[in-house]
C-alpha atoms as a PDB file:
ATOM      1  CA  MET A   1     -15.880 -34.437  -5.191  1.00  0.00           C
ATOM      2  CA  ARG A   2     -17.873 -34.866  -8.355  1.00  0.00           C
ATOM      3  CA  ILE A   3     -19.175 -33.134 -11.344  1.00  0.00           C
ATOM      4  CA  SER A   4     -22.799 -32.382  -9.575  1.00  0.00           C
ATOM      5  CA  ASP A   5     -20.482 -30.467  -7.429  1.00  0.00           C
ATOM      6  CA  VAL A   6     -18.836 -28.486  -9.691  1.00  0.00           C
ATOM      7  CA  LEU A   7     -22.179 -28.455 -11.839  1.00  0.00           C
ATOM      8  CA  ARG A   8     -24.012 -26.608  -8.839  1.00  0.00           C
ATOM      9  CA  VAL A   9     -21.404 -23.857  -8.732  1.00  0.00           C
ATOM     10  CA  LYS A  10     -20.770 -22.955 -12.507  1.00  0.00           C
ATOM     11  CA  GLY A  11     -24.260 -23.798 -13.045  1.00  0.00           C
ATOM     12  CA  GLY A  12     -25.617 -26.110 -15.937  1.00  0.00           C
ATOM     13  CA  GLN A  13     -25.503 -24.004 -19.314  1.00  0.00           C
ATOM     14  CA  VAL A  14     -24.398 -25.085 -22.032  1.00  0.00           C
ATOM     15  CA  VAL A  15     -23.549 -22.644 -25.377  1.00  0.00           C
ATOM     16  CA  THR A  16     -24.773 -25.481 -28.445  1.00  0.00           C
ATOM     17  CA  VAL A  17     -24.229 -25.149 -32.205  1.00  0.00           C
ATOM     18  CA  THR A  18     -26.202 -27.418 -34.859  1.00  0.00           C
ATOM     19  CA  PRO A  19     -23.266 -29.316 -37.162  1.00  0.00           C
ATOM     20  CA  ASP A  20     -24.814 -26.841 -40.033  1.00  0.00           C
ATOM     21  CA  THR A  21     -22.823 -24.080 -38.944  1.00  0.00           C
ATOM     22  CA  ASP A  22     -20.006 -22.881 -40.579  1.00  0.00           C
ATOM     23  CA  VAL A  23     -16.772 -22.293 -39.040  1.00  0.00           C
ATOM     24  CA  ARG A  24     -16.803 -17.983 -39.515  1.00  0.00           C
ATOM     25  CA  HIS A  25     -20.699 -18.083 -37.269  1.00  0.00           C
ATOM     26  CA  LEU A  26     -19.025 -20.227 -35.047  1.00  0.00           C
ATOM     27  CA  LEU A  27     -16.267 -17.862 -34.698  1.00  0.00           C
ATOM     28  CA  THR A  28     -18.304 -15.443 -33.709  1.00  0.00           C
ATOM     29  CA  VAL A  29     -20.627 -17.749 -31.036  1.00  0.00           C
ATOM     30  CA  LEU A  30     -17.332 -18.175 -28.794  1.00  0.00           C
ATOM     31  CA  ALA A  31     -15.870 -14.584 -29.075  1.00  0.00           C
ATOM     32  CA  GLU A  32     -19.664 -13.978 -28.031  1.00  0.00           C
ATOM     33  CA  HIS A  33     -19.960 -15.618 -25.047  1.00  0.00           C
ATOM     34  CA  ARG A  34     -16.409 -15.679 -24.052  1.00  0.00           C
ATOM     35  CA  ILE A  35     -15.968 -19.215 -24.530  1.00  0.00           C
ATOM     36  CA  GLY A  36     -12.993 -22.000 -25.865  1.00  0.00           C
ATOM     37  CA  ALA A  37     -15.234 -25.048 -27.270  1.00  0.00           C
ATOM     38  CA  VAL A  38     -19.155 -25.970 -28.448  1.00  0.00           C
ATOM     39  CA  VAL A  39     -21.293 -28.799 -28.132  1.00  0.00           C
ATOM     40  CA  VAL A  40     -22.278 -29.481 -31.968  1.00  0.00           C
ATOM     41  CA  SER A  41     -26.373 -30.750 -31.309  1.00  0.00           C
ATOM     42  CA  HIS A  42     -28.626 -31.189 -34.083  1.00  0.00           C
ATOM     43  CA  ASN A  43     -31.422 -30.736 -31.236  1.00  0.00           C
ATOM     44  CA  GLY A  44     -29.685 -28.756 -28.427  1.00  0.00           C
ATOM     45  CA  THR A  45     -29.204 -31.694 -25.780  1.00  0.00           C
ATOM     46  CA  SER A  46     -27.729 -34.418 -27.797  1.00  0.00           C
ATOM     47  CA  VAL A  47     -24.086 -34.606 -27.941  1.00  0.00           C
ATOM     48  CA  ASP A  48     -22.777 -35.053 -31.816  1.00  0.00           C
ATOM     49  CA  GLY A  49     -19.785 -33.613 -31.707  1.00  0.00           C
ATOM     50  CA  ILE A  50     -17.705 -30.658 -30.034  1.00  0.00           C
ATOM     51  CA  ALA A  51     -15.785 -27.851 -32.139  1.00  0.00           C
ATOM     52  CA  SER A  52     -12.692 -25.786 -29.950  1.00  0.00           C
ATOM     53  CA  GLU A  53     -11.112 -22.997 -30.618  1.00  0.00           C
ATOM     54  CA  ARG A  54      -8.041 -25.556 -31.231  1.00  0.00           C
ATOM     55  CA  ASP A  55     -10.310 -27.215 -33.810  1.00  0.00           C
ATOM     56  CA  ILE A  56     -10.229 -23.938 -35.903  1.00  0.00           C
ATOM     57  CA  VAL A  57      -6.330 -23.301 -35.318  1.00  0.00           C
ATOM     58  CA  ARG A  58      -5.868 -26.710 -36.879  1.00  0.00           C
ATOM     59  CA  ALA A  59      -7.860 -26.595 -39.332  1.00  0.00           C
ATOM     60  CA  LEU A  60      -6.627 -22.902 -40.406  1.00  0.00           C
ATOM     61  CA  ALA A  61      -3.238 -24.334 -39.978  1.00  0.00           C
ATOM     62  CA  GLU A  62      -3.875 -27.389 -42.655  1.00  0.00           C
ATOM     63  CA  ARG A  63      -6.425 -25.958 -45.313  1.00  0.00           C
ATOM     64  CA  GLY A  64      -6.339 -21.553 -45.094  1.00  0.00           C
ATOM     65  CA  ALA A  65      -9.353 -19.090 -44.916  1.00  0.00           C
ATOM     66  CA  ALA A  66     -11.563 -21.234 -47.147  1.00  0.00           C
ATOM     67  CA  VAL A  67     -12.369 -23.075 -43.632  1.00  0.00           C
ATOM     68  CA  MET A  68     -14.272 -20.240 -42.319  1.00  0.00           C
ATOM     69  CA  SER A  69     -17.278 -21.047 -44.827  1.00  0.00           C
ATOM     70  CA  GLU A  70     -17.317 -24.685 -44.119  1.00  0.00           C
ATOM     71  CA  PRO A  71     -18.874 -26.468 -42.114  1.00  0.00           C
ATOM     72  CA  ILE A  72     -18.317 -27.206 -38.726  1.00  0.00           C
ATOM     73  CA  THR A  73     -18.625 -30.866 -39.285  1.00  0.00           C
ATOM     74  CA  ALA A  74     -15.140 -30.515 -41.456  1.00  0.00           C
ATOM     75  CA  ILE A  75     -13.168 -29.731 -38.086  1.00  0.00           C
ATOM     76  CA  TYR A  76     -15.215 -30.473 -35.264  1.00  0.00           C
ATOM     77  CA  THR A  77     -13.728 -33.337 -32.756  1.00  0.00           C
ATOM     78  CA  ALA A  78     -16.443 -36.016 -33.366  1.00  0.00           C
ATOM     79  CA  GLU A  79     -15.254 -38.539 -30.665  1.00  0.00           C
ATOM     80  CA  VAL A  80     -16.067 -36.745 -27.383  1.00  0.00           C
ATOM     81  CA  HIS A  81     -15.489 -37.731 -23.644  1.00  0.00           C
ATOM     82  CA  THR A  82     -18.522 -37.007 -22.078  1.00  0.00           C
ATOM     83  CA  VAL A  83     -18.508 -37.425 -17.873  1.00  0.00           C
ATOM     84  CA  THR A  84     -21.852 -38.005 -15.785  1.00  0.00           C
ATOM     85  CA  PRO A  85     -23.079 -35.485 -12.654  1.00  0.00           C
ATOM     86  CA  GLU A  86     -21.400 -38.245 -10.983  1.00  0.00           C
ATOM     87  CA  THR A  87     -17.868 -38.992 -11.832  1.00  0.00           C
ATOM     88  CA  PRO A  88     -16.005 -37.645  -9.659  1.00  0.00           C
ATOM     89  CA  VAL A  89     -13.451 -35.036 -10.395  1.00  0.00           C
ATOM     90  CA  GLU A  90     -10.428 -36.818 -10.112  1.00  0.00           C
ATOM     91  CA  GLU A  91     -11.499 -38.690 -12.613  1.00  0.00           C
ATOM     92  CA  VAL A  92     -12.612 -35.987 -15.470  1.00  0.00           C
ATOM     93  CA  MET A  93      -8.666 -34.605 -14.677  1.00  0.00           C
ATOM     94  CA  ARG A  94      -7.377 -38.031 -15.278  1.00  0.00           C
ATOM     95  CA  ILE A  95      -9.659 -37.732 -18.898  1.00  0.00           C
ATOM     96  CA  MET A  96      -8.391 -34.084 -19.543  1.00  0.00           C
ATOM     97  CA  THR A  97      -4.817 -35.269 -18.862  1.00  0.00           C
ATOM     98  CA  GLU A  98      -5.032 -38.524 -20.836  1.00  0.00           C
ATOM     99  CA  HIS A  99      -7.167 -37.647 -23.758  1.00  0.00           C
ATOM    100  CA  ARG A 100      -5.895 -34.094 -24.061  1.00  0.00           C
ATOM    101  CA  VAL A 101      -9.265 -32.472 -23.869  1.00  0.00           C
ATOM    102  CA  ARG A 102     -10.153 -29.334 -22.034  1.00  0.00           C
ATOM    103  CA  HIS A 103     -13.758 -29.819 -22.092  1.00  0.00           C
ATOM    104  CA  ALA A 104     -16.049 -32.685 -21.305  1.00  0.00           C
ATOM    105  CA  PRO A 105     -19.666 -32.363 -21.781  1.00  0.00           C
ATOM    106  CA  VAL A 106     -21.945 -33.291 -19.009  1.00  0.00           C
ATOM    107  CA  VAL A 107     -24.446 -35.745 -19.900  1.00  0.00           C
ATOM    108  CA  VAL A 108     -27.433 -37.750 -18.100  1.00  0.00           C
ATOM    109  CA  ASP A 109     -29.189 -40.836 -20.163  1.00  0.00           C
ATOM    110  CA  GLY A 110     -28.052 -39.120 -23.005  1.00  0.00           C
ATOM    111  CA  GLY A 111     -29.539 -35.379 -22.800  1.00  0.00           C
ATOM    112  CA  LEU A 112     -26.759 -32.411 -22.486  1.00  0.00           C
ATOM    113  CA  ARG A 113     -26.634 -31.342 -18.518  1.00  0.00           C
ATOM    114  CA  GLY A 114     -23.926 -29.018 -18.603  1.00  0.00           C
ATOM    115  CA  ILE A 115     -20.221 -28.953 -19.400  1.00  0.00           C
ATOM    116  CA  VAL A 116     -17.229 -28.970 -17.331  1.00  0.00           C
ATOM    117  CA  SER A 117     -13.433 -27.355 -18.986  1.00  0.00           C
ATOM    118  CA  ILE A 118     -10.345 -27.560 -17.766  1.00  0.00           C
ATOM    119  CA  GLY A 119     -10.488 -24.182 -15.835  1.00  0.00           C
ATOM    120  CA  ASP A 120     -13.952 -25.182 -13.937  1.00  0.00           C
ATOM    121  CA  VAL A 121     -11.751 -28.335 -12.711  1.00  0.00           C
ATOM    122  CA  VAL A 122      -8.229 -26.344 -11.896  1.00  0.00           C
ATOM    123  CA  LYS A 123     -10.136 -23.475  -9.524  1.00  0.00           C
ATOM    124  CA  ASN A 124     -12.190 -25.634  -7.852  1.00  0.00           C
ATOM    125  CA  ARG A 125      -8.884 -27.731  -7.275  1.00  0.00           C
ATOM    126  CA  ILE A 126      -8.071 -24.260  -5.678  1.00  0.00           C
ATOM    127  CA  ASP A 127     -10.421 -23.749  -3.880  1.00  0.00           C
ATOM    128  CA  GLU A 128     -10.089 -27.516  -2.209  1.00  0.00           C
ATOM    129  CA  LEU A 129      -6.593 -27.239  -0.765  1.00  0.00           C
ATOM    130  CA  GLU A 130      -7.652 -23.657   0.527  1.00  0.00           C
ATOM    131  CA  THR A 131     -10.449 -25.096   2.381  1.00  0.00           C
ATOM    132  CA  GLU A 132      -7.930 -27.563   3.501  1.00  0.00           C
ATOM    133  CA  ARG A 133      -5.509 -24.346   4.769  1.00  0.00           C
ATOM    134  CA  PHE A 134      -8.200 -22.497   5.941  1.00  0.00           C
ATOM    135  CA  GLY A 135      -9.307 -25.329   7.958  1.00  0.00           C
ATOM    136  CA  GLU A 136      -5.436 -26.093   9.282  1.00  0.00           C
ATOM    137  CA  ILE A 137      -5.400 -22.500  10.277  1.00  0.00           C
ATOM    138  CA  LEU A 138      -8.673 -22.765  12.460  1.00  0.00           C
ATOM    139  CA  GLN A 139      -7.262 -26.254  14.074  1.00  0.00           C
ATOM    140  CA  HIS A 140      -4.274 -24.210  15.067  1.00  0.00           C
ATOM    141  CA  ALA A 141      -5.652 -20.960  16.899  1.00  0.00           C
ATOM    142  CA  ARG A 142      -7.973 -23.385  18.112  1.00  0.00           C
ATOM    143  CA  GLN A 143      -5.368 -25.836  19.853  1.00  0.00           C
ATOM    144  CA  ARG A 144      -3.612 -22.244  21.224  1.00  0.00           C
ATOM    145  CA  ARG A 145      -5.803 -20.315  21.738  1.00  0.00           C
ATOM    146  CA  LEU A 146      -4.893 -17.921  19.722  1.00  0.00           C
ATOM    147  CA  THR A 147      -6.646 -14.812  18.871  1.00  0.00           C
ATOM    148  CA  ARG A 148      -6.634 -13.429  15.281  1.00  0.00           C
ATOM    149  CA  ASP A 149      -3.894 -10.632  15.894  1.00  0.00           C
ATOM    150  CA  GLN A 150      -1.870 -12.972  16.939  1.00  0.00           C
ATOM    151  CA  MET A 151      -2.073 -15.358  14.518  1.00  0.00           C
ATOM    152  CA  HIS A 152      -2.159 -12.211  11.484  1.00  0.00           C
ATOM    153  CA  ARG A 153       1.343 -10.755  13.163  1.00  0.00           C
ATOM    154  CA  LEU A 154       2.665 -14.664  13.284  1.00  0.00           C
ATOM    155  CA  GLY A 155       2.046 -14.459   9.190  1.00  0.00           C
ATOM    156  CA  THR A 156       0.122 -17.655   9.610  1.00  0.00           C
ATOM    157  CA  ILE A 157      -2.692 -16.221   8.035  1.00  0.00           C
ATOM    158  CA  GLY A 158      -2.939 -13.814   4.696  1.00  0.00           C
ATOM    159  CA  SER A 159      -5.507 -10.541   5.061  1.00  0.00           C
ATOM    160  CA  THR A 160      -8.626 -13.095   3.348  1.00  0.00           C
ATOM    161  CA  ASP A 161      -8.219 -14.965   6.476  1.00  0.00           C
ATOM    162  CA  ALA A 162      -7.912 -12.347   8.803  1.00  0.00           C
ATOM    163  CA  ASN A 163     -10.685 -10.689   7.439  1.00  0.00           C
ATOM    164  CA  PHE A 164     -12.942 -13.659   8.264  1.00  0.00           C
ATOM    165  CA  LEU A 165     -11.246 -14.289  11.730  1.00  0.00           C
ATOM    166  CA  ARG A 166     -12.471 -10.501  12.133  1.00  0.00           C
ATOM    167  CA  GLN A 167     -16.089 -11.955  11.950  1.00  0.00           C
ATOM    168  CA  CYS A 168     -15.590 -14.778  14.425  1.00  0.00           C
ATOM    169  CA  ALA A 169     -17.068 -14.444  17.429  1.00  0.00           C
ATOM    170  CA  GLY A 170     -15.422 -13.135  20.418  1.00  0.00           C
ATOM    171  CA  GLU A 171     -12.058 -12.405  20.318  1.00  0.00           C
ATOM    172  CA  THR A 172     -10.336 -16.116  20.041  1.00  0.00           C
ATOM    173  CA  CYS A 173     -10.870 -18.305  17.160  1.00  0.00           C
ATOM    174  CA  ILE A 174     -12.200 -21.348  19.424  1.00  0.00           C
ATOM    175  CA  GLU A 175     -15.823 -21.019  17.840  1.00  0.00           C
ATOM    176  CA  ALA A 176     -14.593 -20.533  14.529  1.00  0.00           C
ATOM    177  CA  SER A 177     -16.119 -22.908  12.308  1.00  0.00           C
ATOM    178  CA  ARG A 178     -17.603 -21.846   8.889  1.00  0.00           C
ATOM    179  CA  PRO A 179     -16.036 -22.910   5.514  1.00  0.00           C
ATOM    180  CA  ARG A 180     -13.727 -20.797   3.324  1.00  0.00           C
ATOM    181  CA  SER A 181     -15.783 -19.933   0.772  1.00  0.00           C
ATOM    182  CA  THR A 182     -17.618 -17.600   2.621  1.00  0.00           C
ATOM    183  CA  VAL A 183     -14.521 -15.459   3.131  1.00  0.00           C
ATOM    184  CA  ASP A 184     -14.394 -14.991  -0.925  1.00  0.00           C
ATOM    185  CA  ALA A 185     -17.407 -13.092  -0.629  1.00  0.00           C
ATOM    186  CA  ALA A 186     -16.082 -10.759   1.919  1.00  0.00           C
END
């Protein structure tokens, strides 16, 4: 799976602020959008840096409340680890772990196209694992020609899986082949 797949689900919206924004306003932006970091950009498309809640906490601990009136450039991270839409999710996990960062702007030809957080990466991995598990359940059902009620009684499926299986054609799950992601909407 690639970052483009994550952005397809999440969207490419990115909150940016200009380098002259003060830390107090940065806090307002973070709270308003319920996010943990913003891209610092002089034009809204380039990545000049990134400012996160962590940066604010560190600056407050080091310099006190006076930091609130300073420009973001006094606290932000200038060396940003960016990715492209073609970057594999596994590589993004490695980057985030190795460099201890929680956000990676997505850049194409120098232009900002999105941002992924560690939460986005974890959600993606959980979805992959659930899809794999559901595939195993369907394979088990096909091999044994079990009905959804038999599978539920055996404890091989949870209630969400059972809800999906109720939508299967007929009593057996032989023809059930829809991906798990459709289950969550039910």
